[in-house]
Amino acid sequence: MITRARVEGMSCQHCVRAVFTGLAGVEGIVRADVSIGAIEVEHDGRVTFEQLRDAVAVAGYRLVEAQTNRRALPLA
């Protein structure tokens, strides 16, 4: 599954690294693409919005407007 979300407060590459590091601690994430103001996370389906929100909050930012595409399967 793929979840895309906006992240408020990110404005530089340091922000990107901080959010990426926060997401690395979430079990079930296969891949995380982080850019200024947005994330795209590929996961196994166990990852919740709350887990993503908390991981982003640890980095000091706010997760908003998350959408999960449950039809998108990870590529092997």
PDB file of N, CA and C in Angstrom:
ATOM      1  N   MET A   1       0.827  -1.173   0.000  1.00  0.00           N
ATOM      2  CA  MET A   1       0.000   0.000   0.000  1.00  0.00           C
ATOM      3  C   MET A   1       0.878   1.246   0.000  1.00  0.00           C
ATOM      4  N   ILE A   2       0.322   2.285  -0.531  1.00  0.00           N
ATOM      5  CA  ILE A   2       1.056   3.551  -0.587  1.00  0.00           C
ATOM      6  C   ILE A   2       0.230   4.641   0.073  1.00  0.00           C
ATOM      7  N   THR A   3       0.851   5.359   0.995  1.00  0.00           N
ATOM      8  CA  THR A   3       0.203   6.493   1.651  1.00  0.00           C
ATOM      9  C   THR A   3       0.974   7.745   1.284  1.00  0.00           C
ATOM     10  N   ARG A   4       0.227   8.764   0.845  1.00  0.00           N
ATOM     11  CA  ARG A   4       0.807  10.069   0.526  1.00  0.00           C
ATOM     12  C   ARG A   4       0.212  11.084   1.488  1.00  0.00           C
ATOM     13  N   ALA A   5       1.035  12.030   1.930  1.00  0.00           N
ATOM     14  CA  ALA A   5       0.540  13.041   2.863  1.00  0.00           C
ATOM     15  C   ALA A   5       1.331  14.322   2.736  1.00  0.00           C
ATOM     16  N   ARG A   6       0.672  15.422   3.100  1.00  0.00           N
ATOM     17  CA  ARG A   6       1.362  16.707   3.205  1.00  0.00           C
ATOM     18  C   ARG A   6       1.913  16.831   4.605  1.00  0.00           C
ATOM     19  N   VAL A   7       3.036  17.520   4.711  1.00  0.00           N
ATOM     20  CA  VAL A   7       3.670  17.757   6.003  1.00  0.00           C
ATOM     21  C   VAL A   7       3.878  19.259   6.148  1.00  0.00           C
ATOM     22  N   GLU A   8       3.294  19.831   7.180  1.00  0.00           N
ATOM     23  CA  GLU A   8       3.432  21.264   7.417  1.00  0.00           C
ATOM     24  C   GLU A   8       4.699  21.561   8.197  1.00  0.00           C
ATOM     25  N   GLY A   9       5.339  22.672   7.846  1.00  0.00           N
ATOM     26  CA  GLY A   9       6.495  23.153   8.582  1.00  0.00           C
ATOM     27  C   GLY A   9       7.836  22.793   7.978  1.00  0.00           C
ATOM     28  N   MET A  10       7.861  21.932   6.973  1.00  0.00           N
ATOM     29  CA  MET A  10       9.122  21.542   6.346  1.00  0.00           C
ATOM     30  C   MET A  10       9.534  22.613   5.345  1.00  0.00           C
ATOM     31  N   SER A  11      10.816  23.043   5.432  1.00  0.00           N
ATOM     32  CA  SER A  11      11.245  24.096   4.508  1.00  0.00           C
ATOM     33  C   SER A  11      12.666  23.912   3.988  1.00  0.00           C
ATOM     34  N   CYS A  12      13.340  22.814   4.384  1.00  0.00           N
ATOM     35  CA  CYS A  12      14.729  22.641   3.960  1.00  0.00           C
ATOM     36  C   CYS A  12      15.113  21.159   3.963  1.00  0.00           C
ATOM     37  N   GLN A  13      16.314  20.876   3.508  1.00  0.00           N
ATOM     38  CA  GLN A  13      16.788  19.492   3.466  1.00  0.00           C
ATOM     39  C   GLN A  13      17.007  18.913   4.863  1.00  0.00           C
ATOM     40  N   HIS A  14      17.313  19.749   5.829  1.00  0.00           N
ATOM     41  CA  HIS A  14      17.410  19.255   7.212  1.00  0.00           C
ATOM     42  C   HIS A  14      16.054  18.699   7.653  1.00  0.00           C
ATOM     43  N   CYS A  15      14.986  19.393   7.290  1.00  0.00           N
ATOM     44  CA  CYS A  15      13.630  18.937   7.607  1.00  0.00           C
ATOM     45  C   CYS A  15      13.364  17.577   6.969  1.00  0.00           C
ATOM     46  N   VAL A  16      13.753  17.431   5.725  1.00  0.00           N
ATOM     47  CA  VAL A  16      13.563  16.180   4.996  1.00  0.00           C
ATOM     48  C   VAL A  16      14.279  15.042   5.718  1.00  0.00           C
ATOM     49  N   ARG A  17      15.525  15.263   6.110  1.00  0.00           N
ATOM     50  CA  ARG A  17      16.287  14.224   6.813  1.00  0.00           C
ATOM     51  C   ARG A  17      15.652  13.882   8.157  1.00  0.00           C
ATOM     52  N   ALA A  18      15.176  14.887   8.880  1.00  0.00           N
ATOM     53  CA  ALA A  18      14.561  14.656  10.186  1.00  0.00           C
ATOM     54  C   ALA A  18      13.295  13.814  10.053  1.00  0.00           C
ATOM     55  N   VAL A  19      12.459  14.119   9.074  1.00  0.00           N
ATOM     56  CA  VAL A  19      11.231  13.348   8.865  1.00  0.00           C
ATOM     57  C   VAL A  19      11.563  11.937   8.402  1.00  0.00           C
ATOM     58  N   PHE A  20      12.520  11.802   7.492  1.00  0.00           N
ATOM     59  CA  PHE A  20      12.926  10.476   7.019  1.00  0.00           C
ATOM     60  C   PHE A  20      13.406   9.623   8.183  1.00  0.00           C
ATOM     61  N   THR A  21      14.213  10.198   9.060  1.00  0.00           N
ATOM     62  CA  THR A  21      14.720   9.477  10.218  1.00  0.00           C
ATOM     63  C   THR A  21      13.581   9.075  11.145  1.00  0.00           C
ATOM     64  N   GLY A  22      12.616   9.956  11.344  1.00  0.00           N
ATOM     65  CA  GLY A  22      11.458   9.626  12.170  1.00  0.00           C
ATOM     66  C   GLY A  22      10.654   8.475  11.599  1.00  0.00           C
ATOM     67  N   LEU A  23      10.478   8.451  10.290  1.00  0.00           N
ATOM     68  CA  LEU A  23       9.711   7.388   9.640  1.00  0.00           C
ATOM     69  C   LEU A  23      10.444   6.050   9.673  1.00  0.00           C
ATOM     70  N   ALA A  24      11.765   6.089   9.747  1.00  0.00           N
ATOM     71  CA  ALA A  24      12.554   4.856   9.759  1.00  0.00           C
ATOM     72  C   ALA A  24      12.220   3.974  10.950  1.00  0.00           C
ATOM     73  N   GLY A  25      11.694   4.560  12.009  1.00  0.00           N
ATOM     74  CA  GLY A  25      11.363   3.791  13.201  1.00  0.00           C
ATOM     75  C   GLY A  25       9.992   3.136  13.174  1.00  0.00           C
ATOM     76  N   VAL A  26       9.221   3.344  12.117  1.00  0.00           N
ATOM     77  CA  VAL A  26       7.872   2.785  12.041  1.00  0.00           C
ATOM     78  C   VAL A  26       7.941   1.403  11.396  1.00  0.00           C
ATOM     79  N   GLU A  27       7.529   0.399  12.152  1.00  0.00           N
ATOM     80  CA  GLU A  27       7.554  -0.969  11.647  1.00  0.00           C
ATOM     81  C   GLU A  27       6.495  -1.146  10.563  1.00  0.00           C
ATOM     82  N   GLY A  28       6.887  -1.779   9.471  1.00  0.00           N
ATOM     83  CA  GLY A  28       5.970  -2.035   8.363  1.00  0.00           C
ATOM     84  C   GLY A  28       6.224  -1.168   7.147  1.00  0.00           C
ATOM     85  N   ILE A  29       7.044  -0.103   7.320  1.00  0.00           N
ATOM     86  CA  ILE A  29       7.365   0.743   6.174  1.00  0.00           C
ATOM     87  C   ILE A  29       8.444   0.064   5.342  1.00  0.00           C
ATOM     88  N   VAL A  30       8.158  -0.068   4.054  1.00  0.00           N
ATOM     89  CA  VAL A  30       9.084  -0.689   3.117  1.00  0.00           C
ATOM     90  C   VAL A  30       9.979   0.362   2.469  1.00  0.00           C
ATOM     91  N   ARG A  31       9.365   1.528   2.166  1.00  0.00           N
ATOM     92  CA  ARG A  31      10.084   2.611   1.490  1.00  0.00           C
ATOM     93  C   ARG A  31       9.442   3.936   1.885  1.00  0.00           C
ATOM     94  N   ALA A  32      10.264   4.938   2.060  1.00  0.00           N
ATOM     95  CA  ALA A  32       9.745   6.276   2.360  1.00  0.00           C
ATOM     96  C   ALA A  32      10.461   7.292   1.474  1.00  0.00           C
ATOM     97  N   ASP A  33       9.674   8.030   0.712  1.00  0.00           N
ATOM     98  CA  ASP A  33      10.201   9.138  -0.081  1.00  0.00           C
ATOM     99  C   ASP A  33       9.733  10.417   0.603  1.00  0.00           C
ATOM    100  N   VAL A  34      10.685  11.233   0.995  1.00  0.00           N
ATOM    101  CA  VAL A  34      10.368  12.469   1.706  1.00  0.00           C
ATOM    102  C   VAL A  34      10.901  13.637   0.895  1.00  0.00           C
ATOM    103  N   SER A  35      10.041  14.613   0.644  1.00  0.00           N
ATOM    104  CA  SER A  35      10.449  15.846  -0.015  1.00  0.00           C
ATOM    105  C   SER A  35       9.903  16.995   0.819  1.00  0.00           C
ATOM    106  N   ILE A  36      10.331  18.182   0.508  1.00  0.00           N
ATOM    107  CA  ILE A  36       9.880  19.334   1.287  1.00  0.00           C
ATOM    108  C   ILE A  36       8.357  19.439   1.186  1.00  0.00           C
ATOM    109  N   GLY A  37       7.703  19.272   2.329  1.00  0.00           N
ATOM    110  CA  GLY A  37       6.253  19.408   2.409  1.00  0.00           C
ATOM    111  C   GLY A  37       5.444  18.176   2.120  1.00  0.00           C
ATOM    112  N   ALA A  38       6.087  17.031   1.832  1.00  0.00           N
ATOM    113  CA  ALA A  38       5.301  15.848   1.476  1.00  0.00           C
ATOM    114  C   ALA A  38       6.063  14.558   1.777  1.00  0.00           C
ATOM    115  N   ILE A  39       5.281  13.499   2.002  1.00  0.00           N
ATOM    116  CA  ILE A  39       5.854  12.167   2.122  1.00  0.00           C
ATOM    117  C   ILE A  39       5.053  11.200   1.260  1.00  0.00           C
ATOM    118  N   GLU A  40       5.720  10.155   0.802  1.00  0.00           N
ATOM    119  CA  GLU A  40       5.073   9.030   0.152  1.00  0.00           C
ATOM    120  C   GLU A  40       5.691   7.789   0.779  1.00  0.00           C
ATOM    121  N   VAL A  41       4.837   6.997   1.413  1.00  0.00           N
ATOM    122  CA  VAL A  41       5.311   5.848   2.171  1.00  0.00           C
ATOM    123  C   VAL A  41       4.700   4.583   1.603  1.00  0.00           C
ATOM    124  N   GLU A  42       5.535   3.625   1.255  1.00  0.00           N
ATOM    125  CA  GLU A  42       5.076   2.308   0.830  1.00  0.00           C
ATOM    126  C   GLU A  42       5.168   1.412   2.057  1.00  0.00           C
ATOM    127  N   HIS A  43       4.068   0.719   2.371  1.00  0.00           N
ATOM    128  CA  HIS A  43       4.051  -0.103   3.583  1.00  0.00           C
ATOM    129  C   HIS A  43       3.232  -1.367   3.372  1.00  0.00           C
ATOM    130  N   ASP A  44       3.285  -2.233   4.382  1.00  0.00           N
ATOM    131  CA  ASP A  44       2.637  -3.540   4.278  1.00  0.00           C
ATOM    132  C   ASP A  44       1.166  -3.535   4.689  1.00  0.00           C
ATOM    133  N   GLY A  45       0.600  -2.380   5.003  1.00  0.00           N
ATOM    134  CA  GLY A  45      -0.801  -2.291   5.356  1.00  0.00           C
ATOM    135  C   GLY A  45      -1.075  -2.199   6.845  1.00  0.00           C
ATOM    136  N   ARG A  46      -0.076  -2.476   7.658  1.00  0.00           N
ATOM    137  CA  ARG A  46      -0.245  -2.387   9.115  1.00  0.00           C
ATOM    138  C   ARG A  46      -0.029  -0.975   9.627  1.00  0.00           C
ATOM    139  N   VAL A  47       0.560  -0.126   8.845  1.00  0.00           N
ATOM    140  CA  VAL A  47       0.901   1.229   9.283  1.00  0.00           C
ATOM    141  C   VAL A  47      -0.359   2.091   9.312  1.00  0.00           C
ATOM    142  N   THR A  48      -0.565   2.777  10.416  1.00  0.00           N
ATOM    143  CA  THR A  48      -1.752   3.627  10.570  1.00  0.00           C
ATOM    144  C   THR A  48      -1.387   5.092  10.394  1.00  0.00           C
ATOM    145  N   PHE A  49      -2.412   5.915  10.172  1.00  0.00           N
ATOM    146  CA  PHE A  49      -2.216   7.355  10.090  1.00  0.00           C
ATOM    147  C   PHE A  49      -1.585   7.867  11.378  1.00  0.00           C
ATOM    148  N   GLU A  50      -2.034   7.343  12.513  1.00  0.00           N
ATOM    149  CA  GLU A  50      -1.528   7.783  13.810  1.00  0.00           C
ATOM    150  C   GLU A  50      -0.035   7.509  13.955  1.00  0.00           C
ATOM    151  N   GLN A  51       0.421   6.357  13.475  1.00  0.00           N
ATOM    152  CA  GLN A  51       1.850   6.037  13.536  1.00  0.00           C
ATOM    153  C   GLN A  51       2.657   7.013  12.688  1.00  0.00           C
ATOM    154  N   LEU A  52       2.170   7.296  11.494  1.00  0.00           N
ATOM    155  CA  LEU A  52       2.864   8.248  10.623  1.00  0.00           C
ATOM    156  C   LEU A  52       2.850   9.640  11.245  1.00  0.00           C
ATOM    157  N   ARG A  53       1.692  10.051  11.758  1.00  0.00           N
ATOM    158  CA  ARG A  53       1.574  11.368  12.398  1.00  0.00           C
ATOM    159  C   ARG A  53       2.544  11.495  13.568  1.00  0.00           C
ATOM    160  N   ASP A  54       2.636  10.457  14.399  1.00  0.00           N
ATOM    161  CA  ASP A  54       3.528  10.496  15.558  1.00  0.00           C
ATOM    162  C   ASP A  54       4.995  10.534  15.140  1.00  0.00           C
ATOM    163  N   ALA A  55       5.350   9.767  14.100  1.00  0.00           N
ATOM    164  CA  ALA A  55       6.739   9.750  13.631  1.00  0.00           C
ATOM    165  C   ALA A  55       7.140  11.116  13.078  1.00  0.00           C
ATOM    166  N   VAL A  56       6.229  11.756  12.356  1.00  0.00           N
ATOM    167  CA  VAL A  56       6.500  13.085  11.813  1.00  0.00           C
ATOM    168  C   VAL A  56       6.548  14.114  12.940  1.00  0.00           C
ATOM    169  N   ALA A  57       5.695  13.955  13.937  1.00  0.00           N
ATOM    170  CA  ALA A  57       5.672  14.879  15.079  1.00  0.00           C
ATOM    171  C   ALA A  57       6.964  14.811  15.885  1.00  0.00           C
ATOM    172  N   VAL A  58       7.547  13.625  16.004  1.00  0.00           N
ATOM    173  CA  VAL A  58       8.824  13.479  16.713  1.00  0.00           C
ATOM    174  C   VAL A  58       9.894  14.326  16.032  1.00  0.00           C
ATOM    175  N   ALA A  59       9.805  14.424  14.715  1.00  0.00           N
ATOM    176  CA  ALA A  59      10.764  15.234  13.960  1.00  0.00           C
ATOM    177  C   ALA A  59      10.448  16.730  14.065  1.00  0.00           C
ATOM    178  N   GLY A  60       9.264  17.071  14.616  1.00  0.00           N
ATOM    179  CA  GLY A  60       8.925  18.471  14.820  1.00  0.00           C
ATOM    180  C   GLY A  60       7.987  19.064  13.785  1.00  0.00           C
ATOM    181  N   TYR A  61       7.285  18.217  13.046  1.00  0.00           N
ATOM    182  CA  TYR A  61       6.410  18.690  11.978  1.00  0.00           C
ATOM    183  C   TYR A  61       5.016  18.112  12.140  1.00  0.00           C
ATOM    184  N   ARG A  62       4.096  18.549  11.279  1.00  0.00           N
ATOM    185  CA  ARG A  62       2.702  18.134  11.405  1.00  0.00           C
ATOM    186  C   ARG A  62       2.221  17.478  10.112  1.00  0.00           C
ATOM    187  N   LEU A  63       1.713  16.257  10.247  1.00  0.00           N
ATOM    188  CA  LEU A  63       1.187  15.508   9.110  1.00  0.00           C
ATOM    189  C   LEU A  63      -0.273  15.900   8.873  1.00  0.00           C
ATOM    190  N   VAL A  64      -0.599  16.218   7.621  1.00  0.00           N
ATOM    191  CA  VAL A  64      -1.976  16.575   7.262  1.00  0.00           C
ATOM    192  C   VAL A  64      -2.348  15.923   5.933  1.00  0.00           C
ATOM    193  N   GLU A  65      -3.634  15.757   5.718  1.00  0.00           N
ATOM    194  CA  GLU A  65      -4.162  15.294   4.426  1.00  0.00           C
ATOM    195  C   GLU A  65      -3.532  14.010   3.904  1.00  0.00           C
ATOM    196  N   ALA A  66      -3.545  12.959   4.700  1.00  0.00           N
ATOM    197  CA  ALA A  66      -3.010  11.673   4.253  1.00  0.00           C
ATOM    198  C   ALA A  66      -4.048  10.917   3.437  1.00  0.00           C
ATOM    199  N   GLN A  67      -3.589  10.259   2.378  1.00  0.00           N
ATOM    200  CA  GLN A  67      -4.433   9.409   1.553  1.00  0.00           C
ATOM    201  C   GLN A  67      -3.704   8.099   1.314  1.00  0.00           C
ATOM    202  N   THR A  68      -4.413   6.996   1.531  1.00  0.00           N
ATOM    203  CA  THR A  68      -3.819   5.676   1.313  1.00  0.00           C
ATOM    204  C   THR A  68      -4.455   5.038   0.097  1.00  0.00           C
ATOM    205  N   ASN A  69      -3.628   4.553  -0.808  1.00  0.00           N
ATOM    206  CA  ASN A  69      -4.077   3.810  -1.976  1.00  0.00           C
ATOM    207  C   ASN A  69      -3.915   2.334  -1.652  1.00  0.00           C
ATOM    208  N   ARG A  70      -4.998   1.700  -1.266  1.00  0.00           N
ATOM    209  CA  ARG A  70      -4.940   0.291  -0.858  1.00  0.00           C
ATOM    210  C   ARG A  70      -4.806  -0.658  -2.039  1.00  0.00           C
ATOM    211  N   ARG A  71      -5.006  -0.160  -3.230  1.00  0.00           N
ATOM    212  CA  ARG A  71      -4.866  -1.010  -4.418  1.00  0.00           C
ATOM    213  C   ARG A  71      -3.436  -1.099  -4.909  1.00  0.00           C
ATOM    214  N   ALA A  72      -2.593  -0.177  -4.481  1.00  0.00           N
ATOM    215  CA  ALA A  72      -1.202  -0.163  -4.924  1.00  0.00           C
ATOM    216  C   ALA A  72      -0.406  -1.196  -4.135  1.00  0.00           C
ATOM    217  N   LEU A  73       0.032  -2.197  -4.796  1.00  0.00           N
ATOM    218  CA  LEU A  73       0.822  -3.231  -4.158  1.00  0.00           C
ATOM    219  C   LEU A  73       2.305  -2.934  -4.357  1.00  0.00           C
ATOM    220  N   PRO A  74       3.126  -3.265  -3.362  1.00  0.00           N
ATOM    221  CA  PRO A  74       4.571  -3.054  -3.517  1.00  0.00           C
ATOM    222  C   PRO A  74       5.114  -3.883  -4.679  1.00  0.00           C
ATOM    223  N   LEU A  75       6.056  -3.331  -5.378  1.00  0.00           N
ATOM    224  CA  LEU A  75       6.721  -4.076  -6.439  1.00  0.00           C
ATOM    225  C   LEU A  75       7.831  -4.910  -5.839  1.00  0.00           C
ATOM    226  N   ALA A  76       7.949  -6.132  -6.298  1.00  0.00           N
ATOM    227  CA  ALA A  76       8.976  -7.033  -5.751  1.00  0.00           C
ATOM    228  C   ALA A  76      10.312  -6.744  -6.338  1.00  0.00           C
TER     229      ALA A  76
END
